[in-house]
Amino acid sequence: MSIPKHQGKSKRKVLLYPGEDDYFVVEVPSLPGCISQGKTREEALRNIEEAIALYIEVLQERGEAIPDDTVEVVLV
């Protein structure tokens, strides 16, 4: 099943932070378990775009709802 363009290309808020071994880790709070990494910041962000697309594709194949990106970012 292909991803409709409006869903496959939708923007999501992500958390980007340095991980072990000088890799960057990226998590998508609105998609539980959707995590990726990369050697550079740019690679990590490219990888999470692919992970988001695959995550949404699996939800669609299962007939499950795609969660909204309703994460609120607050600096404390």
C-alpha atoms as a PDB file:
ATOM      1  CA  MET A   1       0.000   0.000   0.000  1.00  0.00           C
ATOM      2  CA  SER A   2       1.419   3.391  -0.915  1.00  0.00           C
ATOM      3  CA  ILE A   3       1.427   6.368   1.419  1.00  0.00           C
ATOM      4  CA  PRO A   4      -0.782   9.266   0.361  1.00  0.00           C
ATOM      5  CA  LYS A   5       1.449  12.274  -0.270  1.00  0.00           C
ATOM      6  CA  HIS A   6      -0.235  14.443   2.337  1.00  0.00           C
ATOM      7  CA  GLN A   7       0.369  11.828   5.047  1.00  0.00           C
ATOM      8  CA  GLY A   8       3.790  10.581   3.987  1.00  0.00           C
ATOM      9  CA  LYS A   9       5.162  14.116   3.772  1.00  0.00           C
ATOM     10  CA  SER A  10       3.531  15.564   6.876  1.00  0.00           C
ATOM     11  CA  LYS A  11       5.893  17.201   9.333  1.00  0.00           C
ATOM     12  CA  ARG A  12       6.346  15.800  12.839  1.00  0.00           C
ATOM     13  CA  LYS A  13       8.030  17.249  15.896  1.00  0.00           C
ATOM     14  CA  VAL A  14      11.125  15.251  16.786  1.00  0.00           C
ATOM     15  CA  LEU A  15      13.629  15.140  19.617  1.00  0.00           C
ATOM     16  CA  LEU A  16      17.233  15.250  18.415  1.00  0.00           C
ATOM     17  CA  TYR A  17      20.060  14.660  20.866  1.00  0.00           C
ATOM     18  CA  PRO A  18      23.609  13.297  20.997  1.00  0.00           C
ATOM     19  CA  GLY A  19      23.780   9.598  21.770  1.00  0.00           C
ATOM     20  CA  GLU A  20      26.615   7.169  22.349  1.00  0.00           C
ATOM     21  CA  ASP A  21      29.626   6.902  20.048  1.00  0.00           C
ATOM     22  CA  ASP A  22      29.114  10.404  18.599  1.00  0.00           C
ATOM     23  CA  TYR A  23      25.822   9.456  16.913  1.00  0.00           C
ATOM     24  CA  PHE A  24      22.716  11.636  16.941  1.00  0.00           C
ATOM     25  CA  VAL A  25      19.491  10.011  18.145  1.00  0.00           C
ATOM     26  CA  VAL A  26      16.070  11.145  16.899  1.00  0.00           C
ATOM     27  CA  GLU A  27      12.714  10.225  18.444  1.00  0.00           C
ATOM     28  CA  VAL A  28       9.175  11.042  17.331  1.00  0.00           C
ATOM     29  CA  PRO A  29       7.031  11.560  20.454  1.00  0.00           C
ATOM     30  CA  SER A  30       3.752  11.356  18.504  1.00  0.00           C
ATOM     31  CA  LEU A  31       4.725   7.929  17.082  1.00  0.00           C
ATOM     32  CA  PRO A  32       5.676   5.709  20.056  1.00  0.00           C
ATOM     33  CA  GLY A  33       8.776   3.643  19.348  1.00  0.00           C
ATOM     34  CA  CYS A  34       9.705   5.575  16.199  1.00  0.00           C
ATOM     35  CA  ILE A  35      13.418   6.167  16.793  1.00  0.00           C
ATOM     36  CA  SER A  36      16.428   6.459  14.497  1.00  0.00           C
ATOM     37  CA  GLN A  37      20.000   7.709  14.530  1.00  0.00           C
ATOM     38  CA  GLY A  38      22.787   8.939  12.312  1.00  0.00           C
ATOM     39  CA  LYS A  39      26.456   9.801  12.400  1.00  0.00           C
ATOM     40  CA  THR A  40      25.634  13.433  11.584  1.00  0.00           C
ATOM     41  CA  ARG A  41      22.650  15.596  12.434  1.00  0.00           C
ATOM     42  CA  GLU A  42      21.631  15.639   8.766  1.00  0.00           C
ATOM     43  CA  GLU A  43      21.887  11.851   8.422  1.00  0.00           C
ATOM     44  CA  ALA A  44      19.822  11.348  11.579  1.00  0.00           C
ATOM     45  CA  LEU A  45      17.086  13.630  10.232  1.00  0.00           C
ATOM     46  CA  ARG A  46      17.052  11.857   6.847  1.00  0.00           C
ATOM     47  CA  ASN A  47      16.830   8.512   8.624  1.00  0.00           C
ATOM     48  CA  ILE A  48      13.925   9.604  10.819  1.00  0.00           C
ATOM     49  CA  GLU A  49      12.018  10.849   7.750  1.00  0.00           C
ATOM     50  CA  GLU A  50      12.249   7.341   6.333  1.00  0.00           C
ATOM     51  CA  ALA A  51      11.307   5.793   9.690  1.00  0.00           C
ATOM     52  CA  ILE A  52       8.231   8.049   9.931  1.00  0.00           C
ATOM     53  CA  ALA A  53       7.112   7.078   6.410  1.00  0.00           C
ATOM     54  CA  LEU A  54       7.511   3.365   7.184  1.00  0.00           C
ATOM     55  CA  TYR A  55       5.765   3.695  10.547  1.00  0.00           C
ATOM     56  CA  ILE A  56       2.766   5.389   8.901  1.00  0.00           C
ATOM     57  CA  GLU A  57       2.737   2.807   6.100  1.00  0.00           C
ATOM     58  CA  VAL A  58       2.506  -0.035   8.643  1.00  0.00           C
ATOM     59  CA  LEU A  59      -0.330   1.710  10.495  1.00  0.00           C
ATOM     60  CA  GLN A  60      -2.213   2.114   7.208  1.00  0.00           C
ATOM     61  CA  GLU A  61      -1.669  -1.528   6.249  1.00  0.00           C
ATOM     62  CA  ARG A  62      -3.094  -2.573   9.618  1.00  0.00           C
ATOM     63  CA  GLY A  63      -6.037  -0.213   9.261  1.00  0.00           C
ATOM     64  CA  GLU A  64      -4.982   1.663  12.382  1.00  0.00           C
ATOM     65  CA  ALA A  65      -5.390   5.377  12.976  1.00  0.00           C
ATOM     66  CA  ILE A  66      -2.410   7.640  12.381  1.00  0.00           C
ATOM     67  CA  PRO A  67      -1.776   9.692  15.542  1.00  0.00           C
ATOM     68  CA  ASP A  68      -1.888  13.457  15.262  1.00  0.00           C
ATOM     69  CA  ASP A  69       1.274  15.362  16.083  1.00  0.00           C
ATOM     70  CA  THR A  70      -0.125  17.196  19.081  1.00  0.00           C
ATOM     71  CA  VAL A  71       3.075  17.331  21.099  1.00  0.00           C
ATOM     72  CA  GLU A  72       3.540  20.629  22.876  1.00  0.00           C
ATOM     73  CA  VAL A  73       7.107  21.799  23.326  1.00  0.00           C
ATOM     74  CA  VAL A  74       7.739  23.582  26.607  1.00  0.00           C
ATOM     75  CA  LEU A  75      11.135  24.616  27.905  1.00  0.00           C
ATOM     76  CA  VAL A  76      11.409  24.266  31.683  1.00  0.00           C
END
